[in-house]
C-alpha cells in the first residue's frame, strides 16, 4: 500500500491542475468591468481549489521528506497540458509531448 502522504501530494497536484483549468476558462471570457473579470464563478472556484490544494500539500508534507515534494509537484507540468487537451481540445504538439516525456523520465530517475 502506498504511503498516504504521497496520495495527499498527488491529490494536491490534481486539484491545483483543475484549478488552473478553471482559471483559464475564466480568463477566456470577455467582461464589462474589472470586477466582473475577477469576481466571476470560474475565477472564484479556481482560487478556492487552489486554497484547498494548500491544505492537501500540508497534509502530504507532514509525513514525508521535503525532498520528495518538488518531484511530485512536477506532475502538475504533465497534468495541465493533458487536461487542457482533454477539456479545451488544445493540440499536444511534439514539443509538448517531448517536454512531458522529459519530466516523467526525470521523476522516474529520481525515484530509482
PDB file of N, CA and C in Angstrom:
ATOM      1  N   UNK A   1       0.851  -1.184   0.000  1.00  0.00           N
ATOM      2  CA  UNK A   1       0.000   0.000   0.000  1.00  0.00           C
ATOM      3  C   UNK A   1       0.895   1.246   0.000  1.00  0.00           C
ATOM      4  N   UNK A   2       0.608   2.192  -0.924  1.00  0.00           N
ATOM      5  CA  UNK A   2       1.429   3.405  -0.969  1.00  0.00           C
ATOM      6  C   UNK A   2       1.218   4.254   0.281  1.00  0.00           C
ATOM      7  N   UNK A   3       2.254   5.007   0.617  1.00  0.00           N
ATOM      8  CA  UNK A   3       2.182   5.900   1.764  1.00  0.00           C
ATOM      9  C   UNK A   3       1.071   6.926   1.528  1.00  0.00           C
ATOM     10  N   UNK A   4       0.235   7.114   2.518  1.00  0.00           N
ATOM     11  CA  UNK A   4      -0.907   8.027   2.408  1.00  0.00           C
ATOM     12  C   UNK A   4      -0.461   9.461   2.130  1.00  0.00           C
ATOM     13  N   UNK A   5       0.711   9.813   2.582  1.00  0.00           N
ATOM     14  CA  UNK A   5       1.202  11.175   2.379  1.00  0.00           C
ATOM     15  C   UNK A   5       1.487  11.451   0.901  1.00  0.00           C
ATOM     16  N   UNK A   6       1.950  10.440   0.182  1.00  0.00           N
ATOM     17  CA  UNK A   6       2.134  10.606  -1.261  1.00  0.00           C
ATOM     18  C   UNK A   6       0.794  10.839  -1.948  1.00  0.00           C
ATOM     19  N   UNK A   7      -0.239  10.144  -1.495  1.00  0.00           N
ATOM     20  CA  UNK A   7      -1.567  10.332  -2.087  1.00  0.00           C
ATOM     21  C   UNK A   7      -2.086  11.741  -1.844  1.00  0.00           C
ATOM     22  N   UNK A   8      -1.796  12.294  -0.665  1.00  0.00           N
ATOM     23  CA  UNK A   8      -2.178  13.680  -0.398  1.00  0.00           C
ATOM     24  C   UNK A   8      -1.467  14.626  -1.367  1.00  0.00           C
ATOM     25  N   UNK A   9      -0.170  14.404  -1.596  1.00  0.00           N
ATOM     26  CA  UNK A   9       0.568  15.275  -2.514  1.00  0.00           C
ATOM     27  C   UNK A   9       0.063  15.147  -3.944  1.00  0.00           C
ATOM     28  N   UNK A  10      -0.227  13.930  -4.366  1.00  0.00           N
ATOM     29  CA  UNK A  10      -0.738  13.726  -5.723  1.00  0.00           C
ATOM     30  C   UNK A  10      -2.120  14.354  -5.864  1.00  0.00           C
ATOM     31  N   UNK A  11      -2.957  14.209  -4.845  1.00  0.00           N
ATOM     32  CA  UNK A  11      -4.278  14.848  -4.875  1.00  0.00           C
ATOM     33  C   UNK A  11      -4.134  16.363  -4.920  1.00  0.00           C
ATOM     34  N   UNK A  12      -3.158  16.889  -4.205  1.00  0.00           N
ATOM     35  CA  UNK A  12      -2.915  18.327  -4.213  1.00  0.00           C
ATOM     36  C   UNK A  12      -2.558  18.816  -5.613  1.00  0.00           C
ATOM     37  N   UNK A  13      -1.715  18.071  -6.304  1.00  0.00           N
ATOM     38  CA  UNK A  13      -1.320  18.440  -7.663  1.00  0.00           C
ATOM     39  C   UNK A  13      -2.515  18.348  -8.603  1.00  0.00           C
ATOM     40  N   UNK A  14      -3.324  17.329  -8.458  1.00  0.00           N
ATOM     41  CA  UNK A  14      -4.505  17.178  -9.302  1.00  0.00           C
ATOM     42  C   UNK A  14      -5.495  18.315  -9.077  1.00  0.00           C
ATOM     43  N   UNK A  15      -5.726  18.679  -7.824  1.00  0.00           N
ATOM     44  CA  UNK A  15      -6.640  19.776  -7.509  1.00  0.00           C
ATOM     45  C   UNK A  15      -6.092  21.092  -8.054  1.00  0.00           C
ATOM     46  N   UNK A  16      -4.797  21.333  -7.906  1.00  0.00           N
ATOM     47  CA  UNK A  16      -4.187  22.560  -8.425  1.00  0.00           C
ATOM     48  C   UNK A  16      -4.259  22.608  -9.953  1.00  0.00           C
ATOM     49  N   UNK A  17      -4.120  21.468 -10.606  1.00  0.00           N
ATOM     50  CA  UNK A  17      -4.225  21.424 -12.069  1.00  0.00           C
ATOM     51  C   UNK A  17      -5.639  21.735 -12.526  1.00  0.00           C
ATOM     52  N   UNK A  18      -6.615  21.191 -11.828  1.00  0.00           N
ATOM     53  CA  UNK A  18      -8.014  21.508 -12.150  1.00  0.00           C
ATOM     54  C   UNK A  18      -8.300  22.985 -11.889  1.00  0.00           C
ATOM     55  N   UNK A  19      -7.694  23.517 -10.852  1.00  0.00           N
ATOM     56  CA  UNK A  19      -7.835  24.938 -10.552  1.00  0.00           C
ATOM     57  C   UNK A  19      -7.303  25.785 -11.704  1.00  0.00           C
ATOM     58  N   UNK A  20      -6.177  25.393 -12.264  1.00  0.00           N
ATOM     59  CA  UNK A  20      -5.624  26.134 -13.391  1.00  0.00           C
ATOM     60  C   UNK A  20      -6.554  26.094 -14.595  1.00  0.00           C
ATOM     61  N   UNK A  21      -7.232  24.973 -14.782  1.00  0.00           N
ATOM     62  CA  UNK A  21      -8.195  24.892 -15.878  1.00  0.00           C
ATOM     63  C   UNK A  21      -9.353  25.865 -15.664  1.00  0.00           C
ATOM     64  N   UNK A  22      -9.855  25.944 -14.434  1.00  0.00           N
ATOM     65  CA  UNK A  22     -10.947  26.861 -14.150  1.00  0.00           C
ATOM     66  C   UNK A  22     -10.509  28.314 -14.337  1.00  0.00           C
ATOM     67  N   UNK A  23      -9.316  28.636 -13.890  1.00  0.00           N
ATOM     68  CA  UNK A  23      -8.810  29.995 -14.069  1.00  0.00           C
ATOM     69  C   UNK A  23      -8.617  30.323 -15.549  1.00  0.00           C
ATOM     70  N   UNK A  24      -8.183  29.349 -16.324  1.00  0.00           N
ATOM     71  CA  UNK A  24      -8.031  29.564 -17.761  1.00  0.00           C
ATOM     72  C   UNK A  24      -9.390  29.784 -18.414  1.00  0.00           C
ATOM     73  N   UNK A  25     -10.367  28.997 -18.003  1.00  0.00           N
ATOM     74  CA  UNK A  25     -11.724  29.154 -18.531  1.00  0.00           C
ATOM     75  C   UNK A  25     -12.264  30.549 -18.212  1.00  0.00           C
ATOM     76  N   UNK A  26     -12.014  31.022 -16.984  1.00  0.00           N
ATOM     77  CA  UNK A  26     -12.443  32.360 -16.610  1.00  0.00           C
ATOM     78  C   UNK A  26     -11.725  33.442 -17.388  1.00  0.00           C
ATOM     79  N   UNK A  27     -10.469  33.221 -17.730  1.00  0.00           N
ATOM     80  CA  UNK A  27      -9.693  34.211 -18.471  1.00  0.00           C
ATOM     81  C   UNK A  27     -10.074  34.265 -19.944  1.00  0.00           C
ATOM     82  N   UNK A  28     -10.732  33.225 -20.438  1.00  0.00           N
ATOM     83  CA  UNK A  28     -11.108  33.197 -21.849  1.00  0.00           C
ATOM     84  C   UNK A  28     -12.287  34.116 -22.165  1.00  0.00           C
ATOM     85  N   UNK A  29     -13.066  34.470 -21.148  1.00  0.00           N
ATOM     86  CA  UNK A  29     -14.244  35.290 -21.380  1.00  0.00           C
ATOM     87  C   UNK A  29     -13.919  36.772 -21.474  1.00  0.00           C
ATOM     88  N   UNK A  30     -14.869  37.526 -22.014  1.00  0.00           N
ATOM     89  CA  UNK A  30     -14.775  38.991 -22.071  1.00  0.00           C
ATOM     90  C   UNK A  30     -15.776  39.555 -21.079  1.00  0.00           C
ATOM     91  N   UNK A  31     -15.350  40.526 -20.303  1.00  0.00           N
ATOM     92  CA  UNK A  31     -16.186  41.051 -19.232  1.00  0.00           C
ATOM     93  C   UNK A  31     -16.305  42.565 -19.348  1.00  0.00           C
ATOM     94  N   UNK A  32     -17.431  43.079 -18.859  1.00  0.00           N
ATOM     95  CA  UNK A  32     -17.727  44.507 -18.954  1.00  0.00           C
ATOM     96  C   UNK A  32     -16.848  45.355 -18.044  1.00  0.00           C
ATOM     97  N   UNK A  33     -16.553  44.829 -16.874  1.00  0.00           N
ATOM     98  CA  UNK A  33     -15.813  45.639 -15.910  1.00  0.00           C
ATOM     99  C   UNK A  33     -14.687  44.827 -15.279  1.00  0.00           C
ATOM    100  N   UNK A  34     -13.838  45.557 -14.593  1.00  0.00           N
ATOM    101  CA  UNK A  34     -12.722  44.947 -13.882  1.00  0.00           C
ATOM    102  C   UNK A  34     -13.226  43.970 -12.835  1.00  0.00           C
ATOM    103  N   UNK A  35     -14.270  44.328 -12.123  1.00  0.00           N
ATOM    104  CA  UNK A  35     -14.797  43.488 -11.037  1.00  0.00           C
ATOM    105  C   UNK A  35     -15.411  42.202 -11.565  1.00  0.00           C
ATOM    106  N   UNK A  36     -16.127  42.287 -12.674  1.00  0.00           N
ATOM    107  CA  UNK A  36     -16.715  41.073 -13.255  1.00  0.00           C
ATOM    108  C   UNK A  36     -15.649  40.127 -13.785  1.00  0.00           C
ATOM    109  N   UNK A  37     -14.536  40.693 -14.187  1.00  0.00           N
ATOM    110  CA  UNK A  37     -13.444  39.867 -14.703  1.00  0.00           C
ATOM    111  C   UNK A  37     -12.815  39.006 -13.610  1.00  0.00           C
ATOM    112  N   UNK A  38     -12.725  39.555 -12.400  1.00  0.00           N
ATOM    113  CA  UNK A  38     -12.063  38.835 -11.311  1.00  0.00           C
ATOM    114  C   UNK A  38     -13.023  38.234 -10.297  1.00  0.00           C
ATOM    115  N   UNK A  39     -14.284  38.567 -10.368  1.00  0.00           N
ATOM    116  CA  UNK A  39     -15.253  38.028  -9.424  1.00  0.00           C
ATOM    117  C   UNK A  39     -16.326  37.223 -10.142  1.00  0.00           C
ATOM    118  N   UNK A  40     -15.912  36.403 -11.097  1.00  0.00           N
ATOM    119  CA  UNK A  40     -16.869  35.508 -11.745  1.00  0.00           C
ATOM    120  C   UNK A  40     -16.718  34.106 -11.163  1.00  0.00           C
ATOM    121  N   UNK A  41     -17.641  33.253 -11.456  1.00  0.00           N
ATOM    122  CA  UNK A  41     -17.675  31.923 -10.856  1.00  0.00           C
ATOM    123  C   UNK A  41     -16.452  31.076 -11.148  1.00  0.00           C
ATOM    124  N   UNK A  42     -15.935  31.147 -12.379  1.00  0.00           N
ATOM    125  CA  UNK A  42     -14.766  30.343 -12.745  1.00  0.00           C
ATOM    126  C   UNK A  42     -13.558  30.727 -11.897  1.00  0.00           C
ATOM    127  N   UNK A  43     -13.335  32.022 -11.772  1.00  0.00           N
ATOM    128  CA  UNK A  43     -12.162  32.503 -11.037  1.00  0.00           C
ATOM    129  C   UNK A  43     -12.296  32.202  -9.545  1.00  0.00           C
ATOM    130  N   UNK A  44     -13.459  32.426  -9.000  1.00  0.00           N
ATOM    131  CA  UNK A  44     -13.669  32.175  -7.568  1.00  0.00           C
ATOM    132  C   UNK A  44     -13.482  30.688  -7.257  1.00  0.00           C
ATOM    133  N   UNK A  45     -14.078  29.829  -8.067  1.00  0.00           N
ATOM    134  CA  UNK A  45     -13.911  28.382  -7.848  1.00  0.00           C
ATOM    135  C   UNK A  45     -12.452  27.957  -8.033  1.00  0.00           C
ATOM    136  N   UNK A  46     -11.778  28.552  -9.017  1.00  0.00           N
ATOM    137  CA  UNK A  46     -10.374  28.228  -9.245  1.00  0.00           C
ATOM    138  C   UNK A  46      -9.508  28.568  -8.044  1.00  0.00           C
ATOM    139  N   UNK A  47      -9.739  29.750  -7.469  1.00  0.00           N
ATOM    140  CA  UNK A  47      -8.941  30.136  -6.305  1.00  0.00           C
ATOM    141  C   UNK A  47      -9.322  29.336  -5.058  1.00  0.00           C
ATOM    142  N   UNK A  48     -10.572  28.958  -4.937  1.00  0.00           N
ATOM    143  CA  UNK A  48     -10.960  28.098  -3.811  1.00  0.00           C
ATOM    144  C   UNK A  48     -10.276  26.732  -3.902  1.00  0.00           C
ATOM    145  N   UNK A  49     -10.194  26.199  -5.111  1.00  0.00           N
ATOM    146  CA  UNK A  49      -9.488  24.923  -5.290  1.00  0.00           C
ATOM    147  C   UNK A  49      -8.000  25.070  -4.990  1.00  0.00           C
ATOM    148  N   UNK A  50      -7.408  26.179  -5.408  1.00  0.00           N
ATOM    149  CA  UNK A  50      -6.000  26.413  -5.094  1.00  0.00           C
ATOM    150  C   UNK A  50      -5.784  26.486  -3.589  1.00  0.00           C
ATOM    151  N   UNK A  51      -6.701  27.142  -2.902  1.00  0.00           N
ATOM    152  CA  UNK A  51      -6.628  27.245  -1.449  1.00  0.00           C
ATOM    153  C   UNK A  51      -6.737  25.855  -0.814  1.00  0.00           C
ATOM    154  N   UNK A  52      -7.635  25.019  -1.327  1.00  0.00           N
ATOM    155  CA  UNK A  52      -7.765  23.652  -0.835  1.00  0.00           C
ATOM    156  C   UNK A  52      -6.528  22.817  -1.122  1.00  0.00           C
ATOM    157  N   UNK A  53      -5.884  23.094  -2.237  1.00  0.00           N
ATOM    158  CA  UNK A  53      -4.661  22.383  -2.594  1.00  0.00           C
ATOM    159  C   UNK A  53      -3.552  22.630  -1.575  1.00  0.00           C
ATOM    160  N   UNK A  54      -3.530  23.820  -1.007  1.00  0.00           N
ATOM    161  CA  UNK A  54      -2.524  24.138   0.017  1.00  0.00           C
ATOM    162  C   UNK A  54      -2.677  23.204   1.212  1.00  0.00           C
ATOM    163  N   UNK A  55      -3.904  22.967   1.639  1.00  0.00           N
ATOM    164  CA  UNK A  55      -4.124  22.090   2.792  1.00  0.00           C
ATOM    165  C   UNK A  55      -3.759  20.645   2.484  1.00  0.00           C
ATOM    166  N   UNK A  56      -4.023  20.202   1.264  1.00  0.00           N
ATOM    167  CA  UNK A  56      -3.611  18.852   0.884  1.00  0.00           C
ATOM    168  C   UNK A  56      -2.083  18.729   0.871  1.00  0.00           C
ATOM    169  N   UNK A  57      -1.418  19.768   0.406  1.00  0.00           N
ATOM    170  CA  UNK A  57       0.045  19.763   0.406  1.00  0.00           C
ATOM    171  C   UNK A  57       0.591  19.707   1.827  1.00  0.00           C
ATOM    172  N   UNK A  58      -0.008  20.486   2.710  1.00  0.00           N
ATOM    173  CA  UNK A  58       0.435  20.485   4.108  1.00  0.00           C
ATOM    174  C   UNK A  58       0.274  19.094   4.715  1.00  0.00           C
ATOM    175  N   UNK A  59      -0.847  18.447   4.460  1.00  0.00           N
ATOM    176  CA  UNK A  59      -1.066  17.098   4.987  1.00  0.00           C
ATOM    177  C   UNK A  59      -0.052  16.116   4.411  1.00  0.00           C
ATOM    178  N   UNK A  60       0.250  16.274   3.129  1.00  0.00           N
ATOM    179  CA  UNK A  60       1.208  15.374   2.498  1.00  0.00           C
ATOM    180  C   UNK A  60       2.614  15.549   3.037  1.00  0.00           C
ATOM    181  N   UNK A  61       2.996  16.789   3.308  1.00  0.00           N
ATOM    182  CA  UNK A  61       4.355  17.053   3.762  1.00  0.00           C
ATOM    183  C   UNK A  61       4.567  16.737   5.237  1.00  0.00           C
ATOM    184  N   UNK A  62       3.504  16.475   5.969  1.00  0.00           N
ATOM    185  CA  UNK A  62       3.658  16.139   7.385  1.00  0.00           C
ATOM    186  C   UNK A  62       4.427  14.845   7.583  1.00  0.00           C
ATOM    187  N   UNK A  63       4.331  13.921   6.647  1.00  0.00           N
ATOM    188  CA  UNK A  63       4.965  12.618   6.845  1.00  0.00           C
ATOM    189  C   UNK A  63       6.061  12.283   5.852  1.00  0.00           C
ATOM    190  N   UNK A  64       6.459  13.262   5.027  1.00  0.00           N
ATOM    191  CA  UNK A  64       7.483  12.987   4.017  1.00  0.00           C
ATOM    192  C   UNK A  64       8.643  13.957   4.151  1.00  0.00           C
ATOM    193  N   UNK A  65       9.763  13.567   3.577  1.00  0.00           N
ATOM    194  CA  UNK A  65      10.884  14.489   3.466  1.00  0.00           C
ATOM    195  C   UNK A  65      10.517  15.564   2.447  1.00  0.00           C
ATOM    196  N   UNK A  66      11.012  16.762   2.677  1.00  0.00           N
ATOM    197  CA  UNK A  66      10.715  17.845   1.745  1.00  0.00           C
ATOM    198  C   UNK A  66      11.353  17.633   0.385  1.00  0.00           C
ATOM    199  N   UNK A  67      12.321  16.756   0.315  1.00  0.00           N
ATOM    200  CA  UNK A  67      12.980  16.444  -0.948  1.00  0.00           C
ATOM    201  C   UNK A  67      12.001  15.825  -1.952  1.00  0.00           C
ATOM    202  N   UNK A  68      10.965  15.141  -1.472  1.00  0.00           N
ATOM    203  CA  UNK A  68      10.004  14.477  -2.355  1.00  0.00           C
ATOM    204  C   UNK A  68       8.986  15.446  -2.957  1.00  0.00           C
ATOM    205  N   UNK A  69       8.732  16.550  -2.310  1.00  0.00           N
ATOM    206  CA  UNK A  69       7.680  17.460  -2.746  1.00  0.00           C
ATOM    207  C   UNK A  69       7.900  18.012  -4.156  1.00  0.00           C
ATOM    208  N   UNK A  70       9.080  18.530  -4.503  1.00  0.00           N
ATOM    209  CA  UNK A  70       9.243  19.070  -5.856  1.00  0.00           C
ATOM    210  C   UNK A  70       9.054  18.025  -6.951  1.00  0.00           C
ATOM    211  N   UNK A  71       9.411  16.795  -6.655  1.00  0.00           N
ATOM    212  CA  UNK A  71       9.260  15.742  -7.660  1.00  0.00           C
ATOM    213  C   UNK A  71       7.782  15.471  -7.917  1.00  0.00           C
ATOM    214  N   UNK A  72       7.007  15.377  -6.845  1.00  0.00           N
ATOM    215  CA  UNK A  72       5.573  15.140  -7.006  1.00  0.00           C
ATOM    216  C   UNK A  72       4.902  16.375  -7.610  1.00  0.00           C
ATOM    217  N   UNK A  73       5.344  17.569  -7.222  1.00  0.00           N
ATOM    218  CA  UNK A  73       4.766  18.798  -7.770  1.00  0.00           C
ATOM    219  C   UNK A  73       5.008  18.912  -9.272  1.00  0.00           C
ATOM    220  N   UNK A  74       6.100  18.339  -9.763  1.00  0.00           N
ATOM    221  CA  UNK A  74       6.366  18.408 -11.196  1.00  0.00           C
ATOM    222  C   UNK A  74       5.332  17.622 -12.002  1.00  0.00           C
ATOM    223  N   UNK A  75       4.574  16.784 -11.336  1.00  0.00           N
ATOM    224  CA  UNK A  75       3.480  16.078 -12.004  1.00  0.00           C
ATOM    225  C   UNK A  75       2.453  17.060 -12.568  1.00  0.00           C
ATOM    226  N   UNK A  76       2.349  18.236 -11.961  1.00  0.00           N
ATOM    227  CA  UNK A  76       1.436  19.270 -12.475  1.00  0.00           C
ATOM    228  C   UNK A  76       1.797  19.708 -13.885  1.00  0.00           C
ATOM    229  N   UNK A  77       3.104  19.710 -14.211  1.00  0.00           N
ATOM    230  CA  UNK A  77       3.538  20.080 -15.556  1.00  0.00           C
ATOM    231  C   UNK A  77       3.133  19.027 -16.590  1.00  0.00           C
ATOM    232  N   UNK A  78       2.797  17.860 -16.125  1.00  0.00           N
ATOM    233  CA  UNK A  78       2.305  16.810 -17.005  1.00  0.00           C
ATOM    234  C   UNK A  78       0.781  16.887 -17.099  1.00  0.00           C
ATOM    235  N   UNK A  79       0.137  17.087 -15.957  1.00  0.00           N
ATOM    236  CA  UNK A  79      -1.329  17.057 -15.922  1.00  0.00           C
ATOM    237  C   UNK A  79      -1.978  18.237 -16.639  1.00  0.00           C
ATOM    238  N   UNK A  80      -1.436  19.434 -16.477  1.00  0.00           N
ATOM    239  CA  UNK A  80      -2.084  20.618 -17.054  1.00  0.00           C
ATOM    240  C   UNK A  80      -2.188  20.529 -18.578  1.00  0.00           C
ATOM    241  N   UNK A  81      -1.116  20.228 -19.312  1.00  0.00           N
ATOM    242  CA  UNK A  81      -1.283  20.111 -20.767  1.00  0.00           C
ATOM    243  C   UNK A  81      -2.223  18.978 -21.180  1.00  0.00           C
ATOM    244  N   UNK A  82      -2.171  17.859 -20.448  1.00  0.00           N
ATOM    245  CA  UNK A  82      -3.069  16.749 -20.788  1.00  0.00           C
ATOM    246  C   UNK A  82      -4.525  17.113 -20.524  1.00  0.00           C
ATOM    247  N   UNK A  83      -4.784  17.784 -19.398  1.00  0.00           N
ATOM    248  CA  UNK A  83      -6.152  18.204 -19.108  1.00  0.00           C
ATOM    249  C   UNK A  83      -6.633  19.276 -20.078  1.00  0.00           C
ATOM    250  N   UNK A  84      -5.756  20.193 -20.459  1.00  0.00           N
ATOM    251  CA  UNK A  84      -6.130  21.218 -21.446  1.00  0.00           C
ATOM    252  C   UNK A  84      -6.466  20.581 -22.792  1.00  0.00           C
ATOM    253  N   UNK A  85      -5.729  19.552 -23.149  1.00  0.00           N
ATOM    254  CA  UNK A  85      -6.028  18.857 -24.404  1.00  0.00           C
ATOM    255  C   UNK A  85      -7.383  18.151 -24.310  1.00  0.00           C
ATOM    256  N   UNK A  86      -7.669  17.559 -23.148  1.00  0.00           N
ATOM    257  CA  UNK A  86      -8.920  16.833 -22.985  1.00  0.00           C
ATOM    258  C   UNK A  86     -10.118  17.775 -22.873  1.00  0.00           C
ATOM    259  N   UNK A  87      -9.967  18.864 -22.133  1.00  0.00           N
ATOM    260  CA  UNK A  87     -11.108  19.750 -21.861  1.00  0.00           C
ATOM    261  C   UNK A  87     -11.290  20.791 -22.953  1.00  0.00           C
ATOM    262  N   UNK A  88     -10.209  21.468 -23.359  1.00  0.00           N
ATOM    263  CA  UNK A  88     -10.307  22.567 -24.314  1.00  0.00           C
ATOM    264  C   UNK A  88      -9.969  22.162 -25.741  1.00  0.00           C
ATOM    265  N   UNK A  89      -9.533  20.947 -25.941  1.00  0.00           N
ATOM    266  CA  UNK A  89      -9.189  20.485 -27.276  1.00  0.00           C
ATOM    267  C   UNK A  89      -7.888  21.062 -27.804  1.00  0.00           C
ATOM    268  N   UNK A  90      -7.012  21.504 -26.919  1.00  0.00           N
ATOM    269  CA  UNK A  90      -5.719  22.034 -27.358  1.00  0.00           C
ATOM    270  C   UNK A  90      -4.863  20.919 -27.939  1.00  0.00           C
ATOM    271  N   UNK A  91      -4.058  21.281 -28.921  1.00  0.00           N
ATOM    272  CA  UNK A  91      -3.204  20.284 -29.552  1.00  0.00           C
ATOM    273  C   UNK A  91      -2.004  19.972 -28.679  1.00  0.00           C
ATOM    274  N   UNK A  92      -1.668  18.715 -28.625  1.00  0.00           N
ATOM    275  CA  UNK A  92      -0.438  18.285 -27.968  1.00  0.00           C
ATOM    276  C   UNK A  92       0.624  18.165 -29.059  1.00  0.00           C
ATOM    277  N   UNK A  93       1.458  19.168 -29.168  1.00  0.00           N
ATOM    278  CA  UNK A  93       2.497  19.175 -30.182  1.00  0.00           C
ATOM    279  C   UNK A  93       3.625  18.232 -29.781  1.00  0.00           C
ATOM    280  N   UNK A  94       4.508  17.975 -30.731  1.00  0.00           N
ATOM    281  CA  UNK A  94       5.665  17.141 -30.438  1.00  0.00           C
ATOM    282  C   UNK A  94       6.512  17.752 -29.339  1.00  0.00           C
ATOM    283  N   UNK A  95       6.615  19.051 -29.361  1.00  0.00           N
ATOM    284  CA  UNK A  95       7.420  19.750 -28.357  1.00  0.00           C
ATOM    285  C   UNK A  95       6.840  19.558 -26.955  1.00  0.00           C
ATOM    286  N   UNK A  96       5.510  19.672 -26.837  1.00  0.00           N
ATOM    287  CA  UNK A  96       4.861  19.455 -25.536  1.00  0.00           C
ATOM    288  C   UNK A  96       5.043  18.013 -25.077  1.00  0.00           C
ATOM    289  N   UNK A  97       4.848  17.087 -25.994  1.00  0.00           N
ATOM    290  CA  UNK A  97       4.998  15.669 -25.641  1.00  0.00           C
ATOM    291  C   UNK A  97       6.434  15.338 -25.250  1.00  0.00           C
ATOM    292  N   UNK A  98       7.399  15.959 -25.914  1.00  0.00           N
ATOM    293  CA  UNK A  98       8.797  15.755 -25.552  1.00  0.00           C
ATOM    294  C   UNK A  98       9.065  16.309 -24.154  1.00  0.00           C
ATOM    295  N   UNK A  99       8.516  17.475 -23.856  1.00  0.00           N
ATOM    296  CA  UNK A  99       8.664  18.048 -22.521  1.00  0.00           C
ATOM    297  C   UNK A  99       8.038  17.173 -21.450  1.00  0.00           C
ATOM    298  N   UNK A 100       6.837  16.666 -21.725  1.00  0.00           N
ATOM    299  CA  UNK A 100       6.160  15.773 -20.778  1.00  0.00           C
ATOM    300  C   UNK A 100       6.999  14.512 -20.563  1.00  0.00           C
ATOM    301  N   UNK A 101       7.543  13.976 -21.653  1.00  0.00           N
ATOM    302  CA  UNK A 101       8.390  12.792 -21.537  1.00  0.00           C
ATOM    303  C   UNK A 101       9.634  13.044 -20.698  1.00  0.00           C
ATOM    304  N   UNK A 102      10.242  14.224 -20.863  1.00  0.00           N
ATOM    305  CA  UNK A 102      11.426  14.570 -20.062  1.00  0.00           C
ATOM    306  C   UNK A 102      11.078  14.675 -18.585  1.00  0.00           C
ATOM    307  N   UNK A 103       9.937  15.262 -18.288  1.00  0.00           N
ATOM    308  CA  UNK A 103       9.522  15.400 -16.886  1.00  0.00           C
ATOM    309  C   UNK A 103       9.274  14.033 -16.267  1.00  0.00           C
ATOM    310  N   UNK A 104       8.563  13.181 -16.976  1.00  0.00           N
ATOM    311  CA  UNK A 104       8.284  11.834 -16.475  1.00  0.00           C
ATOM    312  C   UNK A 104       9.587  11.053 -16.299  1.00  0.00           C
ATOM    313  N   UNK A 105      10.492  11.172 -17.267  1.00  0.00           N
ATOM    314  CA  UNK A 105      11.771  10.478 -17.153  1.00  0.00           C
ATOM    315  C   UNK A 105      12.558  10.977 -15.939  1.00  0.00           C
ATOM    316  N   UNK A 106      12.537  12.278 -15.706  1.00  0.00           N
ATOM    317  CA  UNK A 106      13.204  12.824 -14.525  1.00  0.00           C
ATOM    318  C   UNK A 106      12.616  12.314 -13.239  1.00  0.00           C
ATOM    319  N   UNK A 107      11.293  12.185 -13.182  1.00  0.00           N
ATOM    320  CA  UNK A 107      10.643  11.651 -11.987  1.00  0.00           C
ATOM    321  C   UNK A 107      11.052  10.197 -11.753  1.00  0.00           C
ATOM    322  N   UNK A 108      11.095   9.433 -12.826  1.00  0.00           N
ATOM    323  CA  UNK A 108      11.478   8.022 -12.703  1.00  0.00           C
ATOM    324  C   UNK A 108      12.911   7.889 -12.247  1.00  0.00           C
ATOM    325  N   UNK A 109      13.812   8.688 -12.838  1.00  0.00           N
ATOM    326  CA  UNK A 109      15.228   8.633 -12.453  1.00  0.00           C
ATOM    327  C   UNK A 109      15.397   9.024 -10.992  1.00  0.00           C
ATOM    328  N   UNK A 110      14.646  10.005 -10.532  1.00  0.00           N
ATOM    329  CA  UNK A 110      14.762  10.446  -9.145  1.00  0.00           C
ATOM    330  C   UNK A 110      14.403   9.319  -8.176  1.00  0.00           C
ATOM    331  N   UNK A 111      13.358   8.560  -8.511  1.00  0.00           N
ATOM    332  CA  UNK A 111      12.911   7.529  -7.589  1.00  0.00           C
ATOM    333  C   UNK A 111      13.637   6.198  -7.756  1.00  0.00           C
ATOM    334  N   UNK A 112      14.461   6.058  -8.782  1.00  0.00           N
ATOM    335  CA  UNK A 112      15.231   4.811  -8.950  1.00  0.00           C
ATOM    336  C   UNK A 112      16.407   4.888  -8.094  1.00  0.00           C
TER     337      UNK A 112
END
